[in-house]
Amino acid sequence: MQAVRTLRPLPQPPSELETLFETHHARVFRTAQRITGSPADAEDVLQTVFLRLVKSGEFHDLADHAQAYLSRAAINASLDLMRSRSRAKSVGLADVDAAALESKSKSPETQHADRELQTLIRQAVARLGKTAGEMFALRYYEGHDNQEIAKLLGTSQMVVGVVLHRARTKLKKEIAAYLGKHYK
């Protein structure tokens, strides 16, 4: 009696969306984590960015500019998440883990003040307008220079410079007001 051979279907090549995800998911996650300060929030942002692509069906048009598009999408989704949450009301497990890993040479008070300041900065960036928040994140979280930002956003370097200057001025005022209230 001959053994019966079961034929298996040939594996399908990855879809365009799967390839896009495999290529860019790490960058989207890192961008989101730098902005939100939380791995859990970064996972939410990653999921949001790719779900939006699936719903819109626009991933077919990203071949030439996927990296720029997905970076901007991650920044915007991260800022949207930060705007929608009151981070002061809860402390995530990631924050506790990060605190445990901080340098032992810092006093607990200094560590707490550092975490508080980081949270304040993230919240202040989230309160910037859409364009200012996006430009600030591209510059200070992603490391792009003004020329690259202008190209990514389809504007001039002068506009980028002015918007970033205003954003920095606003953030400095907010941080100074906070420090003045809490450290008199």
N, C-alpha and C. Protein backbone atom coordinates (compact mmCIF):
# COMPACT_ATOMS: atom_id res chain seq x y z
N MET A 1 0.83 -1.17 0.00
CA MET A 1 0.00 0.00 0.00
C MET A 1 0.88 1.25 0.00
N GLN A 2 0.56 2.15 -0.84
CA GLN A 2 1.33 3.37 -0.96
C GLN A 2 0.88 4.38 0.07
N ALA A 3 1.86 5.16 0.54
CA ALA A 3 1.55 6.23 1.49
C ALA A 3 0.84 7.35 0.73
N VAL A 4 -0.15 7.88 1.38
CA VAL A 4 -0.90 8.98 0.78
C VAL A 4 -0.15 10.29 1.06
N ARG A 5 0.10 11.04 0.02
CA ARG A 5 0.79 12.32 0.18
C ARG A 5 -0.23 13.43 0.25
N THR A 6 -0.05 14.23 1.24
CA THR A 6 -0.94 15.38 1.37
C THR A 6 -0.25 16.58 0.75
N LEU A 7 -0.94 17.20 -0.14
CA LEU A 7 -0.39 18.39 -0.77
C LEU A 7 -0.74 19.61 0.07
N ARG A 8 0.26 20.38 0.33
CA ARG A 8 0.05 21.63 1.06
C ARG A 8 0.07 22.78 0.07
N PRO A 9 -0.74 23.78 0.33
CA PRO A 9 -0.69 24.93 -0.58
C PRO A 9 0.65 25.63 -0.43
N LEU A 10 1.12 26.17 -1.51
CA LEU A 10 2.37 26.92 -1.48
C LEU A 10 2.17 28.18 -0.64
N PRO A 11 3.19 28.54 0.12
CA PRO A 11 3.04 29.77 0.91
C PRO A 11 2.93 30.98 -0.03
N GLN A 12 2.06 31.87 0.35
CA GLN A 12 1.86 33.09 -0.43
C GLN A 12 2.98 34.08 -0.11
N PRO A 13 3.41 34.83 -1.09
CA PRO A 13 4.41 35.87 -0.79
C PRO A 13 3.75 36.91 0.12
N PRO A 14 4.56 37.58 0.93
CA PRO A 14 3.97 38.57 1.83
C PRO A 14 3.27 39.67 1.03
N SER A 15 2.18 40.14 1.59
CA SER A 15 1.44 41.21 0.93
C SER A 15 2.25 42.50 1.04
N GLU A 16 1.83 43.50 0.29
CA GLU A 16 2.49 44.80 0.31
C GLU A 16 2.45 45.40 1.71
N LEU A 17 1.32 45.26 2.39
CA LEU A 17 1.18 45.79 3.74
C LEU A 17 2.08 45.05 4.72
N GLU A 18 2.16 43.72 4.59
CA GLU A 18 3.05 42.94 5.47
C GLU A 18 4.50 43.35 5.28
N THR A 19 4.90 43.55 4.05
CA THR A 19 6.27 43.98 3.76
C THR A 19 6.52 45.37 4.35
N LEU A 20 5.56 46.26 4.20
CA LEU A 20 5.67 47.60 4.76
C LEU A 20 5.81 47.53 6.28
N PHE A 21 5.01 46.70 6.91
CA PHE A 21 5.08 46.55 8.36
C PHE A 21 6.43 45.98 8.79
N GLU A 22 6.86 44.91 8.14
CA GLU A 22 8.14 44.29 8.50
C GLU A 22 9.30 45.26 8.35
N THR A 23 9.25 46.11 7.34
CA THR A 23 10.33 47.04 7.07
C THR A 23 10.35 48.21 8.05
N HIS A 24 9.16 48.70 8.45
CA HIS A 24 9.09 49.97 9.16
C HIS A 24 8.55 49.91 10.59
N HIS A 25 8.11 48.76 11.07
CA HIS A 25 7.47 48.73 12.40
C HIS A 25 8.42 49.16 13.52
N ALA A 26 9.67 48.80 13.43
CA ALA A 26 10.62 49.15 14.49
C ALA A 26 10.82 50.66 14.57
N ARG A 27 10.90 51.32 13.42
CA ARG A 27 11.07 52.78 13.39
C ARG A 27 9.83 53.47 13.96
N VAL A 28 8.65 53.00 13.59
CA VAL A 28 7.41 53.59 14.09
C VAL A 28 7.34 53.42 15.61
N PHE A 29 7.70 52.25 16.09
CA PHE A 29 7.68 51.99 17.53
C PHE A 29 8.66 52.90 18.27
N ARG A 30 9.90 53.00 17.76
CA ARG A 30 10.91 53.85 18.43
C ARG A 30 10.48 55.31 18.46
N THR A 31 9.93 55.78 17.35
CA THR A 31 9.45 57.16 17.29
C THR A 31 8.37 57.38 18.35
N ALA A 32 7.42 56.49 18.39
CA ALA A 32 6.32 56.62 19.35
C ALA A 32 6.82 56.53 20.79
N GLN A 33 7.76 55.65 21.05
CA GLN A 33 8.26 55.51 22.42
C GLN A 33 9.02 56.75 22.86
N ARG A 34 9.79 57.35 21.95
CA ARG A 34 10.50 58.58 22.30
C ARG A 34 9.53 59.70 22.65
N ILE A 35 8.41 59.76 21.96
CA ILE A 35 7.46 60.84 22.18
C ILE A 35 6.59 60.57 23.41
N THR A 36 6.09 59.35 23.54
CA THR A 36 5.18 59.05 24.65
C THR A 36 5.91 58.68 25.92
N GLY A 37 7.13 58.15 25.78
CA GLY A 37 7.89 57.72 26.95
C GLY A 37 7.45 56.39 27.50
N SER A 38 6.62 55.67 26.77
CA SER A 38 6.07 54.42 27.28
C SER A 38 6.03 53.36 26.18
N PRO A 39 6.58 52.17 26.47
CA PRO A 39 6.50 51.09 25.48
C PRO A 39 5.05 50.67 25.20
N ALA A 40 4.20 50.68 26.21
CA ALA A 40 2.80 50.30 26.01
C ALA A 40 2.10 51.30 25.10
N ASP A 41 2.35 52.58 25.32
CA ASP A 41 1.76 53.60 24.45
C ASP A 41 2.33 53.50 23.04
N ALA A 42 3.61 53.18 22.94
CA ALA A 42 4.23 53.02 21.62
C ALA A 42 3.59 51.87 20.85
N GLU A 43 3.26 50.79 21.54
CA GLU A 43 2.56 49.66 20.91
C GLU A 43 1.19 50.11 20.40
N ASP A 44 0.49 50.90 21.21
CA ASP A 44 -0.82 51.42 20.79
C ASP A 44 -0.68 52.28 19.55
N VAL A 45 0.33 53.14 19.52
CA VAL A 45 0.56 54.01 18.38
C VAL A 45 0.89 53.18 17.14
N LEU A 46 1.76 52.19 17.30
CA LEU A 46 2.13 51.31 16.18
C LEU A 46 0.88 50.68 15.58
N GLN A 47 0.04 50.15 16.44
CA GLN A 47 -1.20 49.52 15.98
C GLN A 47 -2.10 50.55 15.28
N THR A 48 -2.22 51.71 15.86
CA THR A 48 -3.06 52.77 15.29
C THR A 48 -2.59 53.16 13.90
N VAL A 49 -1.28 53.36 13.75
CA VAL A 49 -0.73 53.78 12.46
C VAL A 49 -1.04 52.76 11.37
N PHE A 50 -0.81 51.49 11.65
CA PHE A 50 -1.03 50.47 10.62
C PHE A 50 -2.51 50.16 10.41
N LEU A 51 -3.31 50.27 11.45
CA LEU A 51 -4.76 50.10 11.26
C LEU A 51 -5.33 51.21 10.39
N ARG A 52 -4.84 52.43 10.60
CA ARG A 52 -5.28 53.54 9.75
C ARG A 52 -4.92 53.30 8.29
N LEU A 53 -3.74 52.72 8.07
CA LEU A 53 -3.34 52.39 6.70
C LEU A 53 -4.26 51.35 6.09
N VAL A 54 -4.60 50.33 6.85
CA VAL A 54 -5.48 49.28 6.36
C VAL A 54 -6.85 49.88 6.01
N LYS A 55 -7.38 50.69 6.92
CA LYS A 55 -8.70 51.28 6.69
C LYS A 55 -8.71 52.21 5.49
N SER A 56 -7.63 52.97 5.31
CA SER A 56 -7.60 53.94 4.22
C SER A 56 -7.24 53.28 2.88
N GLY A 57 -6.52 52.17 2.94
CA GLY A 57 -6.07 51.51 1.72
C GLY A 57 -4.98 52.27 0.99
N GLU A 58 -4.39 53.27 1.64
CA GLU A 58 -3.39 54.12 0.99
C GLU A 58 -1.99 53.52 0.96
N PHE A 59 -1.79 52.36 1.53
CA PHE A 59 -0.44 51.81 1.61
C PHE A 59 0.12 51.46 0.23
N HIS A 60 -0.72 51.35 -0.77
CA HIS A 60 -0.24 51.04 -2.12
C HIS A 60 0.53 52.21 -2.72
N ASP A 61 0.25 53.42 -2.24
CA ASP A 61 0.87 54.61 -2.81
C ASP A 61 2.13 55.04 -2.05
N LEU A 62 2.63 54.25 -1.13
CA LEU A 62 3.73 54.67 -0.26
C LEU A 62 5.11 54.24 -0.73
N ALA A 63 5.21 53.60 -1.85
CA ALA A 63 6.48 53.02 -2.27
C ALA A 63 7.66 54.00 -2.20
N ASP A 64 7.48 55.22 -2.67
CA ASP A 64 8.59 56.16 -2.75
C ASP A 64 8.86 56.92 -1.45
N HIS A 65 7.87 57.01 -0.57
CA HIS A 65 8.03 57.85 0.61
C HIS A 65 7.47 57.21 1.88
N ALA A 66 7.57 55.91 1.98
CA ALA A 66 7.00 55.19 3.13
C ALA A 66 7.64 55.63 4.45
N GLN A 67 8.96 55.77 4.47
CA GLN A 67 9.65 56.13 5.71
C GLN A 67 9.18 57.49 6.22
N ALA A 68 9.13 58.48 5.36
CA ALA A 68 8.70 59.82 5.77
C ALA A 68 7.24 59.81 6.20
N TYR A 69 6.40 59.13 5.43
CA TYR A 69 4.97 59.08 5.76
C TYR A 69 4.74 58.40 7.11
N LEU A 70 5.39 57.27 7.32
CA LEU A 70 5.17 56.52 8.57
C LEU A 70 5.77 57.25 9.77
N SER A 71 6.87 57.95 9.59
CA SER A 71 7.43 58.75 10.69
C SER A 71 6.45 59.84 11.10
N ARG A 72 5.91 60.54 10.12
CA ARG A 72 4.92 61.58 10.42
C ARG A 72 3.67 60.99 11.06
N ALA A 73 3.23 59.86 10.55
CA ALA A 73 2.04 59.21 11.10
C ALA A 73 2.28 58.81 12.56
N ALA A 74 3.47 58.30 12.86
CA ALA A 74 3.81 57.91 14.23
C ALA A 74 3.85 59.13 15.15
N ILE A 75 4.43 60.20 14.67
CA ILE A 75 4.50 61.44 15.46
C ILE A 75 3.09 61.95 15.75
N ASN A 76 2.28 62.04 14.71
CA ASN A 76 0.93 62.56 14.90
C ASN A 76 0.08 61.67 15.80
N ALA A 77 0.17 60.37 15.62
CA ALA A 77 -0.60 59.46 16.48
C ALA A 77 -0.11 59.53 17.92
N SER A 78 1.20 59.68 18.11
CA SER A 78 1.75 59.81 19.47
C SER A 78 1.27 61.09 20.13
N LEU A 79 1.32 62.19 19.40
CA LEU A 79 0.86 63.47 19.95
C LEU A 79 -0.64 63.43 20.23
N ASP A 80 -1.40 62.78 19.35
CA ASP A 80 -2.84 62.63 19.59
C ASP A 80 -3.10 61.85 20.87
N LEU A 81 -2.33 60.78 21.06
CA LEU A 81 -2.48 59.97 22.27
C LEU A 81 -2.14 60.79 23.51
N MET A 82 -1.06 61.54 23.44
CA MET A 82 -0.65 62.36 24.58
C MET A 82 -1.70 63.42 24.89
N ARG A 83 -2.29 63.98 23.86
CA ARG A 83 -3.32 65.00 24.06
C ARG A 83 -4.58 64.41 24.69
N SER A 84 -4.87 63.17 24.35
CA SER A 84 -6.12 62.56 24.81
C SER A 84 -6.03 62.00 26.23
N ARG A 85 -4.86 61.91 26.76
CA ARG A 85 -4.69 61.32 28.10
C ARG A 85 -4.16 62.32 29.10
N SER A 86 -4.54 62.12 30.29
CA SER A 86 -3.95 62.90 31.38
C SER A 86 -2.91 62.01 32.02
N ARG A 87 -1.67 62.19 31.64
CA ARG A 87 -0.60 61.30 32.10
C ARG A 87 -0.33 61.43 33.60
N ALA A 88 -0.75 62.52 34.19
CA ALA A 88 -0.48 62.73 35.61
C ALA A 88 -1.34 61.84 36.50
N LYS A 89 -2.42 61.27 35.94
CA LYS A 89 -3.35 60.49 36.76
C LYS A 89 -2.89 59.07 37.00
N SER A 90 -1.97 58.57 36.19
CA SER A 90 -1.58 57.18 36.37
C SER A 90 -0.09 57.02 36.13
N VAL A 91 0.45 55.97 36.70
CA VAL A 91 1.84 55.62 36.49
C VAL A 91 1.86 54.23 35.90
N GLY A 92 2.43 54.11 34.69
CA GLY A 92 2.47 52.82 34.03
C GLY A 92 3.60 51.96 34.55
N LEU A 93 3.51 50.67 34.24
CA LEU A 93 4.56 49.75 34.65
C LEU A 93 5.89 50.13 34.04
N ALA A 94 5.87 50.65 32.83
CA ALA A 94 7.13 51.06 32.19
C ALA A 94 7.81 52.16 32.98
N ASP A 95 7.02 53.06 33.54
CA ASP A 95 7.59 54.14 34.34
C ASP A 95 8.25 53.57 35.59
N VAL A 96 7.63 52.58 36.20
CA VAL A 96 8.19 51.95 37.40
C VAL A 96 9.48 51.22 37.04
N ASP A 97 9.45 50.49 35.91
CA ASP A 97 10.65 49.77 35.46
C ASP A 97 11.77 50.74 35.13
N ALA A 98 11.45 51.84 34.46
CA ALA A 98 12.48 52.83 34.11
C ALA A 98 13.08 53.43 35.37
N ALA A 99 12.24 53.67 36.35
CA ALA A 99 12.74 54.25 37.61
C ALA A 99 13.70 53.27 38.29
N ALA A 100 13.41 52.00 38.21
CA ALA A 100 14.26 51.01 38.86
C ALA A 100 15.62 50.92 38.18
N LEU A 101 15.67 51.22 36.90
CA LEU A 101 16.91 51.11 36.16
C LEU A 101 17.77 52.38 36.19
N GLU A 102 17.21 53.47 36.72
CA GLU A 102 17.96 54.73 36.73
C GLU A 102 19.20 54.61 37.61
N SER A 103 20.10 55.49 37.37
CA SER A 103 21.36 55.48 38.09
C SER A 103 21.17 55.54 39.60
N LYS A 104 21.91 54.70 40.30
CA LYS A 104 21.84 54.67 41.76
C LYS A 104 22.51 55.88 42.38
N SER A 105 23.32 56.60 41.59
CA SER A 105 24.03 57.75 42.13
C SER A 105 23.10 58.95 42.35
N LYS A 106 21.94 58.94 41.70
CA LYS A 106 20.98 60.03 41.89
C LYS A 106 20.12 59.74 43.11
N SER A 107 19.81 60.79 43.81
CA SER A 107 18.92 60.62 44.96
C SER A 107 17.51 60.34 44.47
N PRO A 108 16.67 59.73 45.31
CA PRO A 108 15.28 59.49 44.90
C PRO A 108 14.56 60.79 44.53
N GLU A 109 14.88 61.87 45.22
CA GLU A 109 14.24 63.15 44.92
C GLU A 109 14.63 63.63 43.52
N THR A 110 15.92 63.48 43.18
CA THR A 110 16.39 63.90 41.87
C THR A 110 15.78 63.02 40.78
N GLN A 111 15.71 61.73 41.01
CA GLN A 111 15.10 60.82 40.05
C GLN A 111 13.63 61.19 39.82
N HIS A 112 12.92 61.46 40.90
CA HIS A 112 11.51 61.84 40.79
C HIS A 112 11.38 63.15 40.01
N ALA A 113 12.21 64.12 40.32
CA ALA A 113 12.16 65.41 39.63
C ALA A 113 12.46 65.24 38.15
N ASP A 114 13.41 64.38 37.80
CA ASP A 114 13.74 64.12 36.40
C ASP A 114 12.55 63.51 35.66
N ARG A 115 11.91 62.51 36.27
CA ARG A 115 10.74 61.88 35.65
C ARG A 115 9.59 62.88 35.52
N GLU A 116 9.42 63.70 36.53
CA GLU A 116 8.36 64.70 36.51
C GLU A 116 8.61 65.72 35.39
N LEU A 117 9.84 66.13 35.23
CA LEU A 117 10.18 67.08 34.18
C LEU A 117 9.99 66.46 32.79
N GLN A 118 10.39 65.20 32.63
CA GLN A 118 10.18 64.52 31.34
C GLN A 118 8.69 64.44 31.00
N THR A 119 7.88 64.13 31.99
CA THR A 119 6.43 64.07 31.78
C THR A 119 5.89 65.44 31.42
N LEU A 120 6.35 66.47 32.12
CA LEU A 120 5.93 67.84 31.84
C LEU A 120 6.26 68.23 30.40
N ILE A 121 7.46 67.91 29.96
CA ILE A 121 7.87 68.24 28.60
C ILE A 121 7.00 67.52 27.58
N ARG A 122 6.75 66.23 27.81
CA ARG A 122 5.89 65.48 26.88
C ARG A 122 4.50 66.08 26.81
N GLN A 123 3.95 66.45 27.96
CA GLN A 123 2.61 67.05 27.99
C GLN A 123 2.61 68.40 27.29
N ALA A 124 3.65 69.19 27.50
CA ALA A 124 3.73 70.51 26.87
C ALA A 124 3.86 70.37 25.35
N VAL A 125 4.64 69.42 24.88
CA VAL A 125 4.76 69.18 23.44
C VAL A 125 3.42 68.76 22.87
N ALA A 126 2.68 67.94 23.60
CA ALA A 126 1.37 67.49 23.13
C ALA A 126 0.39 68.66 23.02
N ARG A 127 0.59 69.71 23.82
CA ARG A 127 -0.30 70.87 23.76
C ARG A 127 0.06 71.85 22.65
N LEU A 128 1.20 71.67 22.03
CA LEU A 128 1.55 72.51 20.89
C LEU A 128 0.55 72.24 19.77
N GLY A 129 0.40 73.16 18.85
CA GLY A 129 -0.47 72.93 17.71
C GLY A 129 0.02 71.75 16.88
N LYS A 130 -0.81 71.28 15.98
CA LYS A 130 -0.48 70.10 15.17
C LYS A 130 0.85 70.27 14.44
N THR A 131 1.01 71.37 13.71
CA THR A 131 2.23 71.58 12.93
C THR A 131 3.43 71.77 13.84
N ALA A 132 3.29 72.58 14.88
CA ALA A 132 4.41 72.84 15.79
C ALA A 132 4.81 71.55 16.51
N GLY A 133 3.84 70.78 16.95
CA GLY A 133 4.15 69.51 17.62
C GLY A 133 4.87 68.54 16.71
N GLU A 134 4.41 68.49 15.47
CA GLU A 134 5.04 67.59 14.50
C GLU A 134 6.48 68.04 14.20
N MET A 135 6.66 69.33 13.98
CA MET A 135 8.01 69.84 13.70
C MET A 135 8.93 69.64 14.90
N PHE A 136 8.42 69.90 16.10
CA PHE A 136 9.23 69.73 17.31
C PHE A 136 9.66 68.27 17.45
N ALA A 137 8.72 67.35 17.25
CA ALA A 137 9.05 65.93 17.36
C ALA A 137 10.07 65.51 16.29
N LEU A 138 9.88 65.97 15.07
CA LEU A 138 10.85 65.63 14.02
C LEU A 138 12.24 66.16 14.35
N ARG A 139 12.30 67.35 14.93
CA ARG A 139 13.60 67.97 15.24
C ARG A 139 14.25 67.35 16.47
N TYR A 140 13.52 67.30 17.56
CA TYR A 140 14.15 66.96 18.84
C TYR A 140 13.99 65.50 19.25
N TYR A 141 13.02 64.80 18.71
CA TYR A 141 12.89 63.37 19.02
C TYR A 141 13.48 62.51 17.92
N GLU A 142 13.34 62.97 16.66
CA GLU A 142 13.81 62.19 15.53
C GLU A 142 15.16 62.65 14.99
N GLY A 143 15.60 63.86 15.36
CA GLY A 143 16.93 64.32 14.98
C GLY A 143 17.06 64.89 13.57
N HIS A 144 15.95 65.23 12.92
CA HIS A 144 16.02 65.83 11.59
C HIS A 144 16.43 67.30 11.71
N ASP A 145 17.17 67.79 10.69
CA ASP A 145 17.48 69.22 10.69
C ASP A 145 16.35 69.98 10.00
N ASN A 146 16.42 71.31 10.06
CA ASN A 146 15.34 72.14 9.52
C ASN A 146 15.09 71.90 8.03
N GLN A 147 16.16 71.68 7.29
CA GLN A 147 16.01 71.44 5.86
C GLN A 147 15.24 70.14 5.60
N GLU A 148 15.57 69.09 6.33
CA GLU A 148 14.86 67.82 6.17
C GLU A 148 13.39 67.96 6.57
N ILE A 149 13.14 68.68 7.65
CA ILE A 149 11.76 68.88 8.10
C ILE A 149 10.98 69.64 7.04
N ALA A 150 11.57 70.68 6.49
CA ALA A 150 10.90 71.46 5.45
C ALA A 150 10.54 70.57 4.26
N LYS A 151 11.45 69.71 3.88
CA LYS A 151 11.19 68.81 2.75
C LYS A 151 10.08 67.81 3.10
N LEU A 152 10.14 67.24 4.30
CA LEU A 152 9.12 66.27 4.72
C LEU A 152 7.73 66.89 4.77
N LEU A 153 7.65 68.14 5.21
CA LEU A 153 6.35 68.78 5.41
C LEU A 153 5.94 69.69 4.26
N GLY A 154 6.78 69.79 3.25
CA GLY A 154 6.45 70.60 2.09
C GLY A 154 6.36 72.08 2.40
N THR A 155 7.31 72.59 3.14
CA THR A 155 7.33 74.00 3.50
C THR A 155 8.76 74.51 3.39
N SER A 156 8.99 75.74 3.81
CA SER A 156 10.34 76.31 3.71
C SER A 156 11.09 76.16 5.03
N GLN A 157 12.41 76.23 4.93
CA GLN A 157 13.25 76.17 6.13
C GLN A 157 12.94 77.35 7.05
N MET A 158 12.62 78.49 6.49
CA MET A 158 12.33 79.66 7.30
C MET A 158 11.08 79.42 8.15
N VAL A 159 10.06 78.84 7.56
CA VAL A 159 8.84 78.54 8.30
C VAL A 159 9.16 77.55 9.42
N VAL A 160 9.94 76.54 9.12
CA VAL A 160 10.33 75.56 10.14
C VAL A 160 11.06 76.25 11.28
N GLY A 161 12.01 77.11 10.95
CA GLY A 161 12.77 77.82 11.96
C GLY A 161 11.90 78.68 12.85
N VAL A 162 10.97 79.41 12.26
CA VAL A 162 10.07 80.27 13.03
C VAL A 162 9.16 79.45 13.93
N VAL A 163 8.57 78.39 13.38
CA VAL A 163 7.66 77.55 14.17
C VAL A 163 8.41 76.90 15.33
N LEU A 164 9.62 76.40 15.07
CA LEU A 164 10.40 75.77 16.15
C LEU A 164 10.80 76.79 17.20
N HIS A 165 11.16 77.98 16.79
CA HIS A 165 11.52 79.03 17.76
C HIS A 165 10.33 79.34 18.67
N ARG A 166 9.16 79.50 18.08
CA ARG A 166 7.95 79.78 18.87
C ARG A 166 7.61 78.62 19.79
N ALA A 167 7.77 77.40 19.30
CA ALA A 167 7.48 76.23 20.12
C ALA A 167 8.44 76.16 21.31
N ARG A 168 9.73 76.37 21.06
CA ARG A 168 10.71 76.36 22.15
C ARG A 168 10.41 77.45 23.18
N THR A 169 10.04 78.63 22.69
CA THR A 169 9.71 79.74 23.59
C THR A 169 8.51 79.37 24.46
N LYS A 170 7.49 78.80 23.86
CA LYS A 170 6.30 78.39 24.61
C LYS A 170 6.65 77.32 25.65
N LEU A 171 7.45 76.34 25.25
CA LEU A 171 7.84 75.27 26.17
C LEU A 171 8.68 75.82 27.33
N LYS A 172 9.60 76.73 27.02
CA LYS A 172 10.42 77.32 28.08
C LYS A 172 9.56 78.05 29.10
N LYS A 173 8.56 78.79 28.62
CA LYS A 173 7.67 79.50 29.53
C LYS A 173 6.89 78.54 30.41
N GLU A 174 6.36 77.47 29.82
CA GLU A 174 5.60 76.49 30.59
C GLU A 174 6.48 75.81 31.63
N ILE A 175 7.67 75.45 31.24
CA ILE A 175 8.57 74.77 32.17
C ILE A 175 9.03 75.72 33.27
N ALA A 176 9.33 76.96 32.90
CA ALA A 176 9.74 77.95 33.90
C ALA A 176 8.61 78.20 34.89
N ALA A 177 7.38 78.30 34.40
CA ALA A 177 6.23 78.51 35.29
C ALA A 177 6.07 77.33 36.24
N TYR A 178 6.23 76.14 35.70
CA TYR A 178 6.12 74.93 36.53
C TYR A 178 7.21 74.89 37.59
N LEU A 179 8.43 75.13 37.16
CA LEU A 179 9.55 75.10 38.11
C LEU A 179 9.40 76.20 39.16
N GLY A 180 8.91 77.35 38.75
CA GLY A 180 8.69 78.45 39.69
C GLY A 180 7.67 78.11 40.75
N LYS A 181 6.61 77.38 40.35
CA LYS A 181 5.56 76.99 41.29
C LYS A 181 6.02 75.92 42.25
N HIS A 182 6.79 74.98 41.77
CA HIS A 182 7.14 73.81 42.57
C HIS A 182 8.47 73.89 43.32
N TYR A 183 9.30 74.85 42.95
CA TYR A 183 10.62 74.88 43.57
C TYR A 183 10.96 76.25 44.15
N LYS A 184 9.97 76.92 44.73
CA LYS A 184 10.23 78.22 45.36
C LYS A 184 10.82 78.04 46.73
